[in-house]
Amino acid sequence: MRVRINKKQRVVLALSVTLGVAASAACANVLKVAQNAAAPGACGDWAGYRTFVERFVQADGRVIDYSTPTQQTTSEGQSYGLFFALVANDRATFDRLLNWTRTNLAGNQFDPQNLRLPSWQWGRKADGSYGVLDPNSASDSDLWIAYDLLQAGRLWHDASYTQLGQALAARIARDEMTNLAGVGPMLLPGPEGFKSGGVTRLNPSYLPLPVLRALAHEVPNGPWAKLADSAYKLVKTTAPQGFAPDWAAWQNGQFVVDPKNGDTGSYDAIRVYLWAGMASPADPLAKPWLAALGGMRAKVQQSGFPPAKVSSTNGSASGEAPLSYWAALAPYFKALGDAHGLGLARTHLAALDASLPGHEPVYYDRVLGLFGTGFIDGRYRFDESGRLVPSWRTACD
């Protein structure tokens, strides 16, 4: 096996030779570091995770979406990165991601006694400098970060994560929630800009059932259990043909088509099927939630592929979705017991992995790929209370 030694390691080796015998121990240590870096650790068999970290995570813990002109980082990317690091038992990467988020998205105000919601978008500004591009927060990312922290505290036996997760959950409940008459508590996409003129805009993909269950378990005095019921009502009502829309709205006491984006289900909505497929079968909402989304399964059975876009109100579909949509649908097919659909997903996911050489991977594709393949390959699951159950052996090197 060839041992790759980076520039910094080569400098140390050169110094060791120059200094002679007294530096032999240092030289041995450098070689050991290089060998450890090249050898697969406990999470080394999760090639997708290794690739994600290598290609998208800077050394300081910033997740970069290279497909955007601003080379943006989003709170979503940080939240997903934290989750994958936790699944991989990679605490060093988890802490790097958390520290970058604290420093750059929350202005160093991200501690239990002094916490603000992280800005959702950071990147290259018009003048060439880097910083926050939009200070508004994204509630789905905030939910995932709170979840990641609470699960990290439990799995790594560190109360500091737990306390921060509880504090973040409290801020979400205070600043990113509303109440819909006759429905109950509902998550706003963010604290600003989603309630105007009697219309409240909502995003069904922001409400993963396992995450809501875990928050209800870990923070029982919050609105989370009731929010799970409200989220199911949102999904069921806005998917009359079994297809989730990217966005929806609440107006005059009922769920309606989003006035801004219409009834299209595509880029955002594909996650609705993913979250539904990952929910524990023991969860009382898991089966009805899946049943409300049956249109996608029927469409794939009919055409052999998921549509790129679909109308949630009449079920009309257009285009063929990118390969990464199969990753989001794999847990959905698995949960439905659809062996044919799951087989198609596995075949297409193999093609997605094979497309890497010579092509720069797209952030969102890699994220969906890690969620989907990680789940169907048994690297993690969620129990009835939404708690993460990873397939850890030992810590990731």
Protein backbone atom coordinates (compact mmCIF):
# COMPACT_ATOMS: atom_id res chain seq x y z
CA MET A 1 0.00 0.00 0.00
CA ARG A 2 1.34 3.40 -0.95
CA VAL A 3 1.45 5.89 1.92
CA ARG A 4 0.55 9.41 0.89
CA ILE A 5 2.36 12.12 2.83
CA ASN A 6 1.19 15.68 2.55
CA LYS A 7 3.37 18.76 2.20
CA LYS A 8 3.51 19.46 5.92
CA GLN A 9 4.58 15.89 6.66
CA ARG A 10 7.33 16.06 3.99
CA VAL A 11 8.75 19.16 5.66
CA VAL A 12 8.90 17.42 9.03
CA LEU A 13 10.59 14.39 7.48
CA ALA A 14 13.18 16.60 5.85
CA LEU A 15 13.90 18.26 9.16
CA SER A 16 14.21 14.84 10.79
CA VAL A 17 16.88 13.81 8.33
CA THR A 18 18.73 17.09 8.81
CA LEU A 19 18.71 16.80 12.59
CA GLY A 20 19.97 13.24 12.49
CA VAL A 21 19.44 10.40 14.94
CA ALA A 22 17.88 12.59 17.63
CA ALA A 23 14.92 13.19 15.33
CA SER A 24 14.30 9.53 14.46
CA ALA A 25 11.41 9.29 16.91
CA ALA A 26 9.74 12.31 15.35
CA CYS A 27 10.17 10.78 11.91
CA ALA A 28 8.56 7.56 13.09
CA ASN A 29 5.63 9.51 14.49
CA VAL A 30 5.08 11.34 11.22
CA LEU A 31 5.08 8.08 9.30
CA LYS A 32 2.58 6.67 11.76
CA VAL A 33 0.30 9.68 11.23
CA ALA A 34 0.56 9.29 7.47
CA GLN A 35 -0.22 5.58 7.66
CA ASN A 36 -3.21 6.21 9.91
CA ALA A 37 -4.51 8.80 7.48
CA ALA A 38 -4.29 6.34 4.60
CA ALA A 39 -5.63 3.31 6.42
CA PRO A 40 -9.40 2.86 6.70
CA GLY A 41 -10.77 3.45 10.19
CA ALA A 42 -14.01 2.21 11.65
CA CYS A 43 -15.94 4.50 9.30
CA GLY A 44 -13.49 3.89 6.46
CA ASP A 45 -15.81 1.39 4.84
CA TRP A 46 -18.39 4.16 4.34
CA ALA A 47 -16.80 5.44 1.17
CA GLY A 48 -19.60 7.91 0.54
CA TYR A 49 -18.98 9.64 3.85
CA ARG A 50 -15.24 9.78 3.28
CA THR A 51 -15.83 11.31 -0.14
CA PHE A 52 -18.27 13.85 1.30
CA VAL A 53 -15.78 15.01 3.92
CA GLU A 54 -12.88 15.13 1.45
CA ARG A 55 -14.76 17.04 -1.25
CA PHE A 56 -17.16 19.25 0.65
CA VAL A 57 -15.83 19.86 4.17
CA GLN A 58 -12.98 22.33 4.63
CA ALA A 59 -10.37 21.70 7.31
CA ASP A 60 -12.05 24.32 9.50
CA GLY A 61 -15.44 22.57 9.33
CA ARG A 62 -17.18 24.51 6.58
CA VAL A 63 -19.42 22.54 4.19
CA ILE A 64 -19.22 24.14 0.74
CA ASP A 65 -21.75 23.92 -2.09
CA TYR A 66 -19.42 24.40 -5.05
CA SER A 67 -22.31 24.40 -7.53
CA THR A 68 -23.31 27.93 -6.47
CA PRO A 69 -21.70 31.17 -7.74
CA THR A 70 -21.21 32.36 -4.17
CA GLN A 71 -19.53 29.09 -3.13
CA GLN A 72 -22.15 29.12 -0.41
CA THR A 73 -22.38 27.37 2.89
CA THR A 74 -25.85 26.86 4.33
CA SER A 75 -27.00 25.94 7.79
CA GLU A 76 -28.61 22.97 6.05
CA GLY A 77 -25.23 21.73 4.88
CA GLN A 78 -23.77 22.13 8.35
CA SER A 79 -26.72 20.29 9.93
CA TYR A 80 -26.51 17.36 7.52
CA GLY A 81 -22.74 17.21 7.92
CA LEU A 82 -23.18 16.99 11.70
CA PHE A 83 -25.65 14.13 11.27
CA PHE A 84 -23.37 12.14 8.97
CA ALA A 85 -20.40 12.66 11.30
CA LEU A 86 -22.50 11.33 14.17
CA VAL A 87 -23.57 8.29 12.16
CA ALA A 88 -19.89 7.68 11.34
CA ASN A 89 -18.84 8.14 14.99
CA ASP A 90 -16.48 10.85 13.74
CA ARG A 91 -16.44 13.20 16.70
CA ALA A 92 -13.49 15.25 15.46
CA THR A 93 -15.35 16.23 12.29
CA PHE A 94 -18.55 16.80 14.27
CA ASP A 95 -16.76 19.29 16.51
CA ARG A 96 -15.14 21.07 13.56
CA LEU A 97 -18.55 21.47 11.90
CA LEU A 98 -20.13 22.68 15.13
CA ASN A 99 -17.36 25.19 15.84
CA TRP A 100 -17.53 26.65 12.32
CA THR A 101 -21.28 26.99 12.65
CA ARG A 102 -20.95 28.71 16.02
CA THR A 103 -18.29 31.14 14.80
CA ASN A 104 -19.58 32.03 11.34
CA LEU A 105 -23.34 31.44 11.27
CA ALA A 106 -24.15 32.37 14.87
CA GLY A 107 -21.58 35.11 15.49
CA ASN A 108 -20.12 33.20 18.45
CA GLN A 109 -23.53 33.31 20.13
CA PHE A 110 -24.21 29.60 20.19
CA ASP A 111 -24.05 28.48 23.78
CA PRO A 112 -26.88 27.46 26.14
CA GLN A 113 -26.85 30.80 27.97
CA ASN A 114 -26.28 32.94 24.87
CA LEU A 115 -27.80 31.43 21.75
CA ARG A 116 -29.06 32.90 18.52
CA LEU A 117 -30.42 30.99 15.55
CA PRO A 118 -27.71 30.50 12.91
CA SER A 119 -27.92 32.44 9.66
CA TRP A 120 -28.93 30.15 6.83
CA GLN A 121 -26.57 31.41 4.10
CA TRP A 122 -22.88 32.34 4.12
CA GLY A 123 -20.52 32.80 1.19
CA ARG A 124 -18.80 35.15 -1.22
CA LYS A 125 -20.21 38.68 -1.27
CA ALA A 126 -20.32 41.07 -4.22
CA ASP A 127 -17.11 42.77 -3.07
CA GLY A 128 -15.25 39.44 -2.96
CA SER A 129 -15.22 39.10 0.80
CA TYR A 130 -16.86 36.20 2.61
CA GLY A 131 -19.52 36.35 5.28
CA VAL A 132 -23.23 36.05 6.02
CA LEU A 133 -25.32 36.55 2.89
CA ASP A 134 -28.73 36.22 4.54
CA PRO A 135 -29.11 36.50 8.32
CA ASN A 136 -32.53 34.81 8.39
CA SER A 137 -32.45 31.29 9.82
CA ALA A 138 -33.82 28.10 8.24
CA SER A 139 -35.97 26.13 10.65
CA ASP A 140 -35.34 22.71 9.12
CA SER A 141 -31.61 23.15 9.57
CA ASP A 142 -32.14 24.37 13.11
CA LEU A 143 -34.25 21.28 13.86
CA TRP A 144 -31.56 18.99 12.51
CA ILE A 145 -28.79 20.74 14.45
CA ALA A 146 -30.81 20.49 17.67
CA TYR A 147 -31.42 16.82 16.91
CA ASP A 148 -27.74 16.18 16.14
CA LEU A 149 -26.69 17.80 19.42
CA LEU A 150 -29.21 15.91 21.52
CA GLN A 151 -28.23 12.59 19.97
CA ALA A 152 -24.52 13.39 20.28
CA GLY A 153 -25.01 14.11 23.97
CA ARG A 154 -26.72 10.76 24.44
CA LEU A 155 -24.41 8.64 22.31
CA TRP A 156 -21.13 10.29 23.33
CA HIS A 157 -22.19 10.82 26.94
CA ASP A 158 -21.44 14.53 26.89
CA ALA A 159 -23.93 16.83 28.60
CA SER A 160 -22.56 19.93 26.87
CA TYR A 161 -24.06 18.78 23.56
CA THR A 162 -27.36 17.97 25.27
CA GLN A 163 -27.62 21.37 26.94
CA LEU A 164 -26.91 23.18 23.69
CA GLY A 165 -29.46 21.05 21.84
CA GLN A 166 -32.10 21.80 24.45
CA ALA A 167 -31.38 25.53 24.27
CA LEU A 168 -31.62 25.49 20.47
CA ALA A 169 -34.91 23.57 20.60
CA ALA A 170 -36.30 26.22 22.94
CA ARG A 171 -35.31 29.01 20.53
CA ILE A 172 -36.93 27.20 17.61
CA ALA A 173 -40.14 26.82 19.60
CA ARG A 174 -40.07 30.51 20.49
CA ASP A 175 -39.00 32.09 17.19
CA GLU A 176 -39.89 29.68 14.38
CA MET A 177 -43.31 28.36 15.33
CA THR A 178 -46.88 29.51 14.81
CA ASN A 179 -50.29 28.08 15.63
CA LEU A 180 -52.82 27.11 12.98
CA ALA A 181 -56.41 27.21 14.22
CA GLY A 182 -57.94 23.76 14.21
CA VAL A 183 -54.60 22.13 13.38
CA GLY A 184 -52.14 23.01 16.13
CA PRO A 185 -48.51 24.15 16.29
CA MET A 186 -46.71 24.49 12.96
CA LEU A 187 -43.11 25.15 12.01
CA LEU A 188 -42.46 28.30 9.99
CA PRO A 189 -39.64 27.99 7.43
CA GLY A 190 -37.88 30.80 9.27
CA PRO A 191 -38.62 33.62 11.72
CA GLU A 192 -38.92 36.31 9.03
CA GLY A 193 -40.71 36.56 5.70
CA PHE A 194 -43.22 33.70 5.74
CA LYS A 195 -46.36 35.36 7.11
CA SER A 196 -47.87 38.13 5.02
CA GLY A 197 -51.34 39.36 4.13
CA GLY A 198 -53.14 36.50 5.81
CA VAL A 199 -50.98 33.86 4.07
CA THR A 200 -48.54 31.65 5.95
CA ARG A 201 -46.08 29.81 3.73
CA LEU A 202 -44.99 26.31 4.77
CA ASN A 203 -42.53 23.66 3.60
CA PRO A 204 -43.52 19.98 4.08
CA SER A 205 -39.91 18.81 3.67
CA TYR A 206 -38.90 20.72 6.82
CA LEU A 207 -40.67 18.24 9.13
CA PRO A 208 -38.96 14.83 9.45
CA LEU A 209 -41.05 12.63 11.73
CA PRO A 210 -38.07 10.94 13.50
CA VAL A 211 -36.58 14.34 14.35
CA LEU A 212 -39.87 15.58 15.81
CA ARG A 213 -40.28 12.40 17.84
CA ALA A 214 -36.77 12.70 19.27
CA LEU A 215 -37.30 16.32 20.25
CA ALA A 216 -40.54 15.31 21.96
CA HIS A 217 -38.65 12.60 23.85
CA GLU A 218 -35.69 14.76 24.85
CA VAL A 219 -37.59 18.01 25.43
CA PRO A 220 -41.01 16.79 26.60
CA ASN A 221 -42.25 20.23 27.66
CA GLY A 222 -42.03 21.55 24.09
CA PRO A 223 -44.55 21.52 21.22
CA TRP A 224 -42.89 18.66 19.38
CA ALA A 225 -45.38 15.81 19.85
CA LYS A 226 -48.25 18.05 18.74
CA LEU A 227 -46.11 19.34 15.87
CA ALA A 228 -45.73 15.77 14.59
CA ASP A 229 -49.53 15.51 14.38
CA SER A 230 -49.76 18.88 12.65
CA ALA A 231 -47.04 17.90 10.19
CA TYR A 232 -48.94 14.76 9.23
CA LYS A 233 -52.07 16.84 8.59
CA LEU A 234 -50.02 19.18 6.39
CA VAL A 235 -48.57 16.33 4.32
CA LYS A 236 -51.84 14.42 4.00
CA THR A 237 -53.89 17.47 3.03
CA THR A 238 -51.43 18.94 0.53
CA ALA A 239 -50.81 15.62 -1.25
CA PRO A 240 -54.30 14.69 -2.54
CA GLN A 241 -52.77 12.64 -5.40
CA GLY A 242 -50.05 11.13 -3.20
CA PHE A 243 -47.40 13.66 -4.23
CA ALA A 244 -45.86 16.21 -1.85
CA PRO A 245 -45.41 19.80 -3.04
CA ASP A 246 -42.20 21.74 -2.50
CA TRP A 247 -44.18 24.47 -0.75
CA ALA A 248 -47.69 24.94 0.59
CA ALA A 249 -49.58 27.66 2.43
CA TRP A 250 -52.22 28.30 5.07
CA GLN A 251 -54.95 30.81 4.33
CA ASN A 252 -58.49 31.37 5.62
CA GLY A 253 -58.30 28.40 7.95
CA GLN A 254 -57.12 25.80 5.45
CA PHE A 255 -54.06 24.47 3.62
CA VAL A 256 -53.85 25.86 0.09
CA VAL A 257 -51.48 25.91 -2.88
CA ASP A 258 -48.48 28.12 -2.26
CA PRO A 259 -49.11 31.47 -4.00
CA LYS A 260 -45.41 31.89 -4.83
CA ASN A 261 -44.25 28.48 -6.09
CA GLY A 262 -47.53 26.81 -6.96
CA ASP A 263 -48.24 23.10 -6.54
CA THR A 264 -44.97 21.75 -7.99
CA GLY A 265 -43.22 18.96 -6.17
CA SER A 266 -39.55 18.47 -7.05
CA TYR A 267 -36.24 19.53 -5.49
CA ASP A 268 -37.47 20.20 -1.95
CA ALA A 269 -40.31 17.70 -1.85
CA ILE A 270 -38.17 14.67 -2.65
CA ARG A 271 -37.07 14.78 0.98
CA VAL A 272 -40.64 14.26 2.18
CA TYR A 273 -40.51 10.69 0.84
CA LEU A 274 -37.04 10.21 2.31
CA TRP A 275 -38.07 11.25 5.83
CA ALA A 276 -41.23 9.13 5.65
CA GLY A 277 -39.24 6.07 4.62
CA MET A 278 -36.79 6.47 7.50
CA ALA A 279 -39.42 6.64 10.26
CA SER A 280 -39.62 3.67 12.60
CA PRO A 281 -42.39 1.22 11.59
CA ALA A 282 -43.40 1.24 15.26
CA ASP A 283 -44.28 4.93 15.08
CA PRO A 284 -48.10 5.22 14.94
CA LEU A 285 -47.83 7.90 12.22
CA ALA A 286 -45.35 6.01 10.03
CA LYS A 287 -47.83 3.89 8.10
CA PRO A 288 -50.47 6.59 7.44
CA TRP A 289 -47.71 9.05 6.52
CA LEU A 290 -46.39 6.64 3.89
CA ALA A 291 -49.90 5.93 2.66
CA ALA A 292 -50.45 9.63 2.07
CA LEU A 293 -47.47 9.62 -0.32
CA GLY A 294 -48.44 6.64 -2.45
CA GLY A 295 -48.47 8.57 -5.71
CA MET A 296 -44.72 8.43 -6.15
CA ARG A 297 -44.62 4.65 -5.83
CA ALA A 298 -47.41 4.29 -8.40
CA LYS A 299 -45.69 6.69 -10.81
CA VAL A 300 -42.38 4.79 -10.63
CA GLN A 301 -44.19 1.49 -11.18
CA GLN A 302 -45.85 2.98 -14.24
CA SER A 303 -42.90 4.74 -15.88
CA GLY A 304 -39.86 3.05 -14.37
CA PHE A 305 -38.41 6.28 -13.00
CA PRO A 306 -39.39 9.14 -10.67
CA PRO A 307 -40.54 12.35 -12.36
CA ALA A 308 -38.42 15.49 -12.17
CA LYS A 309 -41.54 17.55 -11.43
CA VAL A 310 -45.08 16.68 -10.46
CA SER A 311 -48.27 18.58 -9.77
CA SER A 312 -49.42 17.79 -6.25
CA THR A 313 -53.00 18.78 -7.07
CA ASN A 314 -53.67 16.78 -10.25
CA GLY A 315 -50.77 14.29 -10.35
CA SER A 316 -49.44 15.28 -13.77
CA ALA A 317 -45.71 14.64 -14.12
CA SER A 318 -42.90 15.78 -16.38
CA GLY A 319 -39.27 14.90 -16.98
CA GLU A 320 -37.02 12.24 -15.49
CA ALA A 321 -35.50 13.03 -12.11
CA PRO A 322 -31.72 13.02 -11.54
CA LEU A 323 -30.11 9.88 -10.17
CA SER A 324 -29.90 11.33 -6.67
CA TYR A 325 -33.70 11.22 -6.32
CA TRP A 326 -33.38 7.45 -6.22
CA ALA A 327 -31.36 7.85 -3.03
CA ALA A 328 -34.19 9.77 -1.39
CA LEU A 329 -36.71 7.17 -2.55
CA ALA A 330 -34.73 4.08 -1.52
CA PRO A 331 -35.83 4.18 2.17
CA TYR A 332 -39.38 4.95 0.98
CA PHE A 333 -39.47 1.82 -1.16
CA LYS A 334 -37.90 -0.19 1.63
CA ALA A 335 -40.49 0.98 4.14
CA LEU A 336 -43.30 0.15 1.71
CA GLY A 337 -41.91 -3.36 1.19
CA ASP A 338 -41.54 -2.59 -2.52
CA ALA A 339 -38.71 -4.91 -3.53
CA HIS A 340 -38.92 -3.92 -7.18
CA GLY A 341 -38.70 -0.20 -6.43
CA LEU A 342 -35.84 -0.75 -4.00
CA GLY A 343 -34.01 -2.84 -6.59
CA LEU A 344 -34.36 -0.08 -9.17
CA ALA A 345 -33.07 2.42 -6.61
CA ARG A 346 -30.00 0.31 -5.83
CA THR A 347 -29.21 -0.06 -9.53
CA HIS A 348 -29.43 3.67 -10.15
CA LEU A 349 -27.45 4.50 -7.05
CA ALA A 350 -24.62 2.33 -8.34
CA ALA A 351 -24.69 4.44 -11.49
CA LEU A 352 -24.59 7.61 -9.39
CA ASP A 353 -21.44 6.41 -7.63
CA ALA A 354 -19.90 5.35 -10.93
CA SER A 355 -20.43 8.85 -12.34
CA LEU A 356 -17.93 10.37 -9.90
CA PRO A 357 -14.67 9.97 -11.88
CA GLY A 358 -14.05 13.11 -13.92
CA HIS A 359 -17.19 14.84 -12.66
CA GLU A 360 -17.38 17.23 -9.75
CA PRO A 361 -20.05 15.84 -7.43
CA VAL A 362 -22.97 18.09 -6.58
CA TYR A 363 -23.57 18.86 -2.92
CA TYR A 364 -27.28 18.02 -2.84
CA ASP A 365 -26.75 14.78 -4.76
CA ARG A 366 -24.13 13.67 -2.25
CA VAL A 367 -26.39 14.57 0.68
CA LEU A 368 -29.33 12.58 -0.65
CA GLY A 369 -26.95 9.74 -1.46
CA LEU A 370 -25.60 9.57 2.09
CA PHE A 371 -29.03 9.70 3.68
CA GLY A 372 -30.51 7.07 1.39
CA THR A 373 -27.70 4.56 1.03
CA GLY A 374 -26.66 4.94 4.66
CA PHE A 375 -30.16 3.96 5.71
CA ILE A 376 -30.81 1.03 3.37
CA ASP A 377 -27.31 -0.33 4.02
CA GLY A 378 -28.04 -0.42 7.76
CA ARG A 379 -25.54 2.21 8.88
CA TYR A 380 -28.25 3.84 10.96
CA ARG A 381 -31.93 3.76 11.79
CA PHE A 382 -34.36 5.57 14.06
CA ASP A 383 -36.28 3.94 16.89
CA GLU A 384 -39.90 4.62 17.83
CA SER A 385 -38.87 7.66 19.84
CA GLY A 386 -36.83 9.04 16.94
CA ARG A 387 -33.51 8.32 18.62
CA LEU A 388 -30.59 7.59 16.32
CA VAL A 389 -29.43 3.97 16.36
CA PRO A 390 -26.06 3.87 14.55
CA SER A 391 -24.17 0.72 13.65
CA TRP A 392 -21.01 1.80 15.46
CA ARG A 393 -18.13 -0.56 16.05
CA THR A 394 -15.39 1.75 17.24
CA ALA A 395 -14.68 5.44 16.86
CA CYS A 396 -13.82 6.81 13.44
CA ASP A 397 -10.08 7.50 13.19
